[in-house]
C-alpha atoms as a PDB file:
ATOM      1  CA  MET A   1     -13.737  16.780   9.953  1.00  0.00           C
ATOM      2  CA  PRO A   2     -12.511  15.805  13.160  1.00  0.00           C
ATOM      3  CA  ALA A   3     -11.248  18.271  15.366  1.00  0.00           C
ATOM      4  CA  HIS A   4      -7.669  16.407  15.590  1.00  0.00           C
ATOM      5  CA  VAL A   5      -7.123  16.716  12.156  1.00  0.00           C
ATOM      6  CA  SER A   6      -4.082  18.744  10.209  1.00  0.00           C
ATOM      7  CA  VAL A   7      -3.853  20.023   7.187  1.00  0.00           C
ATOM      8  CA  HIS A   8      -1.774  22.394   5.966  1.00  0.00           C
ATOM      9  CA  PRO A   9      -3.013  25.969   4.993  1.00  0.00           C
ATOM     10  CA  SER A  10      -2.107  24.695   1.299  1.00  0.00           C
ATOM     11  CA  ALA A  11      -3.772  21.494   1.367  1.00  0.00           C
ATOM     12  CA  ILE A  12      -6.867  20.884  -0.170  1.00  0.00           C
ATOM     13  CA  VAL A  13      -9.938  18.823   1.689  1.00  0.00           C
ATOM     14  CA  ASP A  14     -12.971  18.550  -0.075  1.00  0.00           C
ATOM     15  CA  ASP A  15     -15.974  18.767   1.332  1.00  0.00           C
ATOM     16  CA  GLY A  16     -17.584  15.618   1.814  1.00  0.00           C
ATOM     17  CA  ALA A  17     -14.370  13.817   3.025  1.00  0.00           C
ATOM     18  CA  GLN A  18     -14.009  11.618   5.789  1.00  0.00           C
ATOM     19  CA  LEU A  19     -10.644  11.688   7.550  1.00  0.00           C
ATOM     20  CA  GLY A  20     -10.304  10.323  11.182  1.00  0.00           C
ATOM     21  CA  ASP A  21      -8.618  11.648  14.740  1.00  0.00           C
ATOM     22  CA  GLY A  22      -4.720  12.268  13.615  1.00  0.00           C
ATOM     23  CA  CYS A  23      -5.149  12.236  10.517  1.00  0.00           C
ATOM     24  CA  HIS A  24      -2.217  14.808   8.553  1.00  0.00           C
ATOM     25  CA  VAL A  25      -2.336  16.142   5.553  1.00  0.00           C
ATOM     26  CA  TRP A  26       0.933  18.121   3.994  1.00  0.00           C
ATOM     27  CA  HIS A  27       1.633  20.886   2.013  1.00  0.00           C
ATOM     28  CA  PHE A  28      -0.485  21.113  -1.517  1.00  0.00           C
ATOM     29  CA  ALA A  29      -2.204  17.486  -0.875  1.00  0.00           C
ATOM     30  CA  HIS A  30      -5.063  17.114  -2.391  1.00  0.00           C
ATOM     31  CA  ILE A  31      -8.137  14.458  -0.689  1.00  0.00           C
ATOM     32  CA  SER A  32     -11.684  14.609  -2.658  1.00  0.00           C
ATOM     33  CA  ALA A  33     -14.776  14.189  -1.257  1.00  0.00           C
ATOM     34  CA  GLY A  34     -15.732  10.622  -1.397  1.00  0.00           C
ATOM     35  CA  ALA A  35     -12.313   9.951   0.090  1.00  0.00           C
ATOM     36  CA  ARG A  36     -13.154   7.269   3.531  1.00  0.00           C
ATOM     37  CA  ILE A  37      -9.765   7.357   5.620  1.00  0.00           C
ATOM     38  CA  GLY A  38      -8.992   5.766   8.691  1.00  0.00           C
ATOM     39  CA  ARG A  39      -7.471   7.439  12.058  1.00  0.00           C
ATOM     40  CA  GLY A  40      -3.750   7.830  12.425  1.00  0.00           C
ATOM     41  CA  CYS A  41      -2.979   8.619   8.718  1.00  0.00           C
ATOM     42  CA  SER A  42      -0.378  10.917   7.590  1.00  0.00           C
ATOM     43  CA  PHE A  43      -0.147  12.341   3.833  1.00  0.00           C
ATOM     44  CA  GLY A  44       2.675  13.887   2.387  1.00  0.00           C
ATOM     45  CA  GLN A  45       3.327  16.727   0.162  1.00  0.00           C
ATOM     46  CA  GLY A  46       2.173  16.981  -2.966  1.00  0.00           C
ATOM     47  CA  VAL A  47      -0.325  13.440  -2.510  1.00  0.00           C
ATOM     48  CA  TYR A  48      -3.928  13.165  -4.376  1.00  0.00           C
ATOM     49  CA  VAL A  49      -6.350  10.818  -3.238  1.00  0.00           C
ATOM     50  CA  GLY A  50      -9.442  10.179  -5.309  1.00  0.00           C
ATOM     51  CA  ASN A  51     -13.089   9.847  -4.402  1.00  0.00           C
ATOM     52  CA  ASP A  52     -13.613   6.286  -4.807  1.00  0.00           C
ATOM     53  CA  VAL A  53     -10.722   5.528  -2.419  1.00  0.00           C
ATOM     54  CA  VAL A  54     -10.801   3.343   0.500  1.00  0.00           C
ATOM     55  CA  VAL A  55      -7.266   4.482   3.361  1.00  0.00           C
ATOM     56  CA  GLY A  56      -7.384   2.041   6.512  1.00  0.00           C
ATOM     57  CA  ASP A  57      -6.090   3.175  10.254  1.00  0.00           C
ATOM     58  CA  ASN A  58      -2.279   4.170   9.898  1.00  0.00           C
ATOM     59  CA  VAL A  59      -1.796   4.633   6.420  1.00  0.00           C
ATOM     60  CA  LYS A  60       1.341   6.392   5.156  1.00  0.00           C
ATOM     61  CA  VAL A  61       1.481   7.837   1.763  1.00  0.00           C
ATOM     62  CA  GLN A  62       4.932   9.784   1.662  1.00  0.00           C
ATOM     63  CA  ASN A  63       5.128  12.845  -1.104  1.00  0.00           C
ATOM     64  CA  ASN A  64       4.350  12.969  -4.748  1.00  0.00           C
ATOM     65  CA  VAL A  65       1.858   9.746  -4.793  1.00  0.00           C
ATOM     66  CA  SER A  66      -1.448  10.222  -6.143  1.00  0.00           C
ATOM     67  CA  VAL A  67      -4.151   6.959  -5.108  1.00  0.00           C
ATOM     68  CA  TYR A  68      -6.703   6.998  -7.739  1.00  0.00           C
ATOM     69  CA  ASP A  69     -10.324   6.088  -7.805  1.00  0.00           C
ATOM     70  CA  ALA A  70     -10.867   2.426  -7.205  1.00  0.00           C
ATOM     71  CA  VAL A  71      -8.057   1.836  -5.118  1.00  0.00           C
ATOM     72  CA  THR A  72      -8.197   1.013  -1.119  1.00  0.00           C
ATOM     73  CA  LEU A  73      -5.297   0.598   1.177  1.00  0.00           C
ATOM     74  CA  GLU A  74      -6.111  -1.106   4.705  1.00  0.00           C
ATOM     75  CA  ASP A  75      -4.689  -0.350   7.814  1.00  0.00           C
ATOM     76  CA  ASP A  76      -0.391   0.076   8.060  1.00  0.00           C
ATOM     77  CA  VAL A  77      -0.070   0.240   4.933  1.00  0.00           C
ATOM     78  CA  PHE A  78       3.589   1.944   3.737  1.00  0.00           C
ATOM     79  CA  CYS A  79       2.810   3.963   0.640  1.00  0.00           C
ATOM     80  CA  GLY A  80       6.810   5.304  -0.744  1.00  0.00           C
ATOM     81  CA  PRO A  81       7.657   8.673  -2.368  1.00  0.00           C
ATOM     82  CA  SER A  82       6.520   8.780  -5.714  1.00  0.00           C
ATOM     83  CA  MET A  83       5.133   5.158  -5.933  1.00  0.00           C
ATOM     84  CA  VAL A  84       1.906   4.696  -8.937  1.00  0.00           C
ATOM     85  CA  PHE A  85      -0.792   3.634  -8.727  1.00  0.00           C
ATOM     86  CA  THR A  86      -2.487   2.641 -11.596  1.00  0.00           C
ATOM     87  CA  ASN A  87      -6.527   2.287 -12.891  1.00  0.00           C
ATOM     88  CA  VAL A  88      -7.233   1.909 -15.964  1.00  0.00           C
ATOM     89  CA  HIS A  89      -5.507  -1.135 -17.984  1.00  0.00           C
ATOM     90  CA  ASN A  90      -5.701  -0.160 -21.360  1.00  0.00           C
ATOM     91  CA  PRO A  91      -5.414   3.747 -21.442  1.00  0.00           C
ATOM     92  CA  ARG A  92      -5.778   6.756 -24.194  1.00  0.00           C
ATOM     93  CA  SER A  93      -6.960   9.768 -24.121  1.00  0.00           C
ATOM     94  CA  ALA A  94      -9.525   9.883 -26.479  1.00  0.00           C
ATOM     95  CA  VAL A  95     -11.047   6.759 -24.927  1.00  0.00           C
ATOM     96  CA  SER A  96     -13.472   7.493 -22.245  1.00  0.00           C
ATOM     97  CA  ARG A  97     -12.344   4.634 -19.531  1.00  0.00           C
ATOM     98  CA  LYS A  98     -14.332   5.338 -16.374  1.00  0.00           C
ATOM     99  CA  SER A  99     -16.543   2.477 -16.340  1.00  0.00           C
ATOM    100  CA  GLU A 100     -13.812   0.259 -16.488  1.00  0.00           C
ATOM    101  CA  TYR A 101     -11.159   0.991 -13.797  1.00  0.00           C
ATOM    102  CA  ARG A 102      -9.921  -1.750 -12.562  1.00  0.00           C
ATOM    103  CA  ARG A 103      -9.969  -2.526  -8.745  1.00  0.00           C
ATOM    104  CA  THR A 104      -6.717  -2.612  -6.665  1.00  0.00           C
ATOM    105  CA  LEU A 105      -6.256  -3.926  -3.559  1.00  0.00           C
ATOM    106  CA  VAL A 106      -3.596  -3.225  -1.131  1.00  0.00           C
ATOM    107  CA  ARG A 107      -3.436  -5.238   2.478  1.00  0.00           C
ATOM    108  CA  ARG A 108      -2.532  -5.023   5.867  1.00  0.00           C
ATOM    109  CA  GLY A 109       0.831  -3.722   6.315  1.00  0.00           C
ATOM    110  CA  ALA A 110       2.002  -3.907   3.368  1.00  0.00           C
ATOM    111  CA  THR A 111       4.836  -1.580   2.025  1.00  0.00           C
ATOM    112  CA  LEU A 112       5.202  -0.259  -1.700  1.00  0.00           C
ATOM    113  CA  GLY A 113       8.604   1.030  -2.337  1.00  0.00           C
ATOM    114  CA  ALA A 114      10.181   4.301  -2.931  1.00  0.00           C
ATOM    115  CA  ASN A 115       8.942   4.582  -7.203  1.00  0.00           C
ATOM    116  CA  CYS A 116       7.535   1.673  -7.584  1.00  0.00           C
ATOM    117  CA  THR A 117       4.204   0.883  -9.713  1.00  0.00           C
ATOM    118  CA  ILE A 118       1.162  -1.138  -8.764  1.00  0.00           C
ATOM    119  CA  VAL A 119      -0.590  -2.133 -11.695  1.00  0.00           C
ATOM    120  CA  CYS A 120      -4.357  -1.666 -11.898  1.00  0.00           C
ATOM    121  CA  GLY A 121      -6.440  -5.151 -10.861  1.00  0.00           C
ATOM    122  CA  THR A 122      -3.561  -6.367  -8.345  1.00  0.00           C
ATOM    123  CA  THR A 123      -4.036  -7.571  -4.677  1.00  0.00           C
ATOM    124  CA  VAL A 124      -0.671  -6.685  -2.879  1.00  0.00           C
ATOM    125  CA  GLY A 125      -0.778  -9.393   0.291  1.00  0.00           C
ATOM    126  CA  GLU A 126      -0.430  -8.722   3.523  1.00  0.00           C
ATOM    127  CA  TYR A 127       2.963  -7.519   4.963  1.00  0.00           C
ATOM    128  CA  ALA A 128       4.214  -7.791   1.778  1.00  0.00           C
ATOM    129  CA  PHE A 129       7.427  -6.098   0.515  1.00  0.00           C
ATOM    130  CA  VAL A 130       7.983  -4.526  -3.266  1.00  0.00           C
ATOM    131  CA  GLY A 131      10.740  -3.154  -3.238  1.00  0.00           C
ATOM    132  CA  ALA A 132      12.412   0.119  -4.742  1.00  0.00           C
ATOM    133  CA  GLY A 133      11.389   0.832  -8.941  1.00  0.00           C
ATOM    134  CA  ALA A 134       9.670  -2.743  -9.077  1.00  0.00           C
ATOM    135  CA  VAL A 135       6.612  -3.165 -11.395  1.00  0.00           C
ATOM    136  CA  VAL A 136       4.003  -5.355  -9.926  1.00  0.00           C
ATOM    137  CA  SER A 137       1.112  -6.339 -12.815  1.00  0.00           C
ATOM    138  CA  ARG A 138       0.102  -9.465 -11.037  1.00  0.00           C
ATOM    139  CA  ASP A 139      -1.009 -10.363  -7.472  1.00  0.00           C
ATOM    140  CA  VAL A 140       1.855 -10.460  -4.890  1.00  0.00           C
ATOM    141  CA  PRO A 141       1.272 -13.172  -1.874  1.00  0.00           C
ATOM    142  CA  ALA A 142       1.479 -12.186   2.191  1.00  0.00           C
ATOM    143  CA  PHE A 143       5.022 -11.815   3.042  1.00  0.00           C
ATOM    144  CA  ALA A 144       6.171 -11.629  -0.365  1.00  0.00           C
ATOM    145  CA  LEU A 145       9.208 -10.344  -1.086  1.00  0.00           C
ATOM    146  CA  VAL A 146       9.226  -8.851  -4.643  1.00  0.00           C
ATOM    147  CA  VAL A 147      11.610  -6.618  -6.428  1.00  0.00           C
ATOM    148  CA  GLY A 148      12.613  -5.955 -10.377  1.00  0.00           C
ATOM    149  CA  VAL A 149      10.936  -5.020 -13.647  1.00  0.00           C
ATOM    150  CA  PRO A 150       8.291  -7.380 -13.596  1.00  0.00           C
ATOM    151  CA  ALA A 151       8.194  -7.881 -10.627  1.00  0.00           C
ATOM    152  CA  ARG A 152       9.570 -11.715  -9.011  1.00  0.00           C
ATOM    153  CA  ARG A 153       9.390 -12.820  -5.381  1.00  0.00           C
ATOM    154  CA  ILE A 154      12.527 -13.568  -4.406  1.00  0.00           C
ATOM    155  CA  GLY A 155      12.172 -13.872  -0.475  1.00  0.00           C
ATOM    156  CA  TRP A 156      10.236 -13.709   2.661  1.00  0.00           C
ATOM    157  CA  MET A 157       9.614 -10.927   4.647  1.00  0.00           C
ATOM    158  CA  SER A 158       8.586 -10.765   8.588  1.00  0.00           C
ATOM    159  CA  ARG A 159       5.229  -8.774   9.677  1.00  0.00           C
ATOM    160  CA  HIS A 160       8.777  -6.399  11.219  1.00  0.00           C
ATOM    161  CA  GLY A 161       9.867  -6.389   8.164  1.00  0.00           C
ATOM    162  CA  GLU A 162      13.181  -8.269   8.378  1.00  0.00           C
ATOM    163  CA  ARG A 163      13.488 -10.750   5.562  1.00  0.00           C
ATOM    164  CA  LEU A 164      13.627 -14.457   6.388  1.00  0.00           C
ATOM    165  CA  ASP A 165      16.055 -16.961   5.921  1.00  0.00           C
ATOM    166  CA  LEU A 166      13.917 -19.037   3.749  1.00  0.00           C
ATOM    167  CA  SER A 167      14.077 -19.490  -0.249  1.00  0.00           C
ATOM    168  CA  PRO A 168      11.904 -17.952  -2.307  1.00  0.00           C
ATOM    169  CA  LYS A 169      10.027 -21.050  -2.849  1.00  0.00           C
ATOM    170  CA  GLY A 170      10.432 -24.558  -1.114  1.00  0.00           C
ATOM    171  CA  SER A 171       8.749 -25.157   2.688  1.00  0.00           C
ATOM    172  CA  GLY A 172      11.092 -24.456   6.036  1.00  0.00           C
ATOM    173  CA  GLU A 173      10.797 -22.652   8.733  1.00  0.00           C
ATOM    174  CA  ALA A 174      12.183 -18.957  10.300  1.00  0.00           C
ATOM    175  CA  THR A 175      12.338 -16.705  13.109  1.00  0.00           C
ATOM    176  CA  CYS A 176      12.060 -12.760  12.630  1.00  0.00           C
ATOM    177  CA  PRO A 177      15.504 -11.579  14.031  1.00  0.00           C
ATOM    178  CA  ALA A 178      13.724  -8.274  15.415  1.00  0.00           C
ATOM    179  CA  THR A 179      10.417 -10.286  17.325  1.00  0.00           C
ATOM    180  CA  GLY A 180      10.886 -13.891  17.826  1.00  0.00           C
ATOM    181  CA  GLU A 181       7.482 -14.269  15.870  1.00  0.00           C
ATOM    182  CA  ARG A 182       8.075 -17.798  14.177  1.00  0.00           C
ATOM    183  CA  TYR A 183       6.852 -18.635  10.164  1.00  0.00           C
ATOM    184  CA  ARG A 184       6.719 -21.403   8.453  1.00  0.00           C
ATOM    185  CA  LEU A 185       6.896 -21.747   4.334  1.00  0.00           C
ATOM    186  CA  GLU A 186       4.656 -24.392   2.019  1.00  0.00           C
ATOM    187  CA  GLY A 187       5.082 -24.287  -1.442  1.00  0.00           C
ATOM    188  CA  ASP A 188       4.203 -20.193  -2.419  1.00  0.00           C
ATOM    189  CA  THR A 189       2.349 -19.513   0.839  1.00  0.00           C
ATOM    190  CA  LEU A 190       4.193 -18.110   4.299  1.00  0.00           C
ATOM    191  CA  THR A 191       2.339 -17.969   7.280  1.00  0.00           C
ATOM    192  CA  LEU A 192       2.939 -16.869  10.984  1.00  0.00           C
ATOM    193  CA  CYS A 193       2.895 -19.994  13.217  1.00  0.00           C
ATOM    194  CA  SER A 194       3.704 -18.015  16.572  1.00  0.00           C
ATOM    195  CA  SER A 195       4.289 -14.543  18.376  1.00  0.00           C
ATOM    196  CA  PRO A 196       6.579 -14.457  21.448  1.00  0.00           C
ATOM    197  CA  THR A 197       4.008 -14.277  24.700  1.00  0.00           C
END
């Protein structure tokens, strides 16, 4: 483990776990042996990270989140307090389904709000924003703002985390009020057109 990793005395980091420089592992967290974690990540109180988990750089996993096997979090992902991942679609206590895990991918810069649930087998797109308490049971497009049970798209978000002045569907252009970045919506696809120089 790199010298510049901070692990609270109550936390457990199993031998073999790979953590990049600048990571912080807080109270009562448990990082399993097979986890591969990038630089500058933070794992809050009571977090669990499984063996078959890949975490990019600068990922924030807040208190009481379990990142189970078959989950990948790309760079700059934010996991809000007590949000939930799953890895089996039809669990039964009496039936072993460890060979049936469905992979979950959370793309770069996405935010998963407090107490939301990400059902296994889904992909959350780049810079998407999942509202608090939402239940995601199908793929979320890049930059989409989704809320509710089941989660539905109600708008679009910039890379900076600002809501864009666009309808959930249709076409048009919008500017991030914080950064001046321009975005173009065509149907169900939002793309970044330009960044200010």
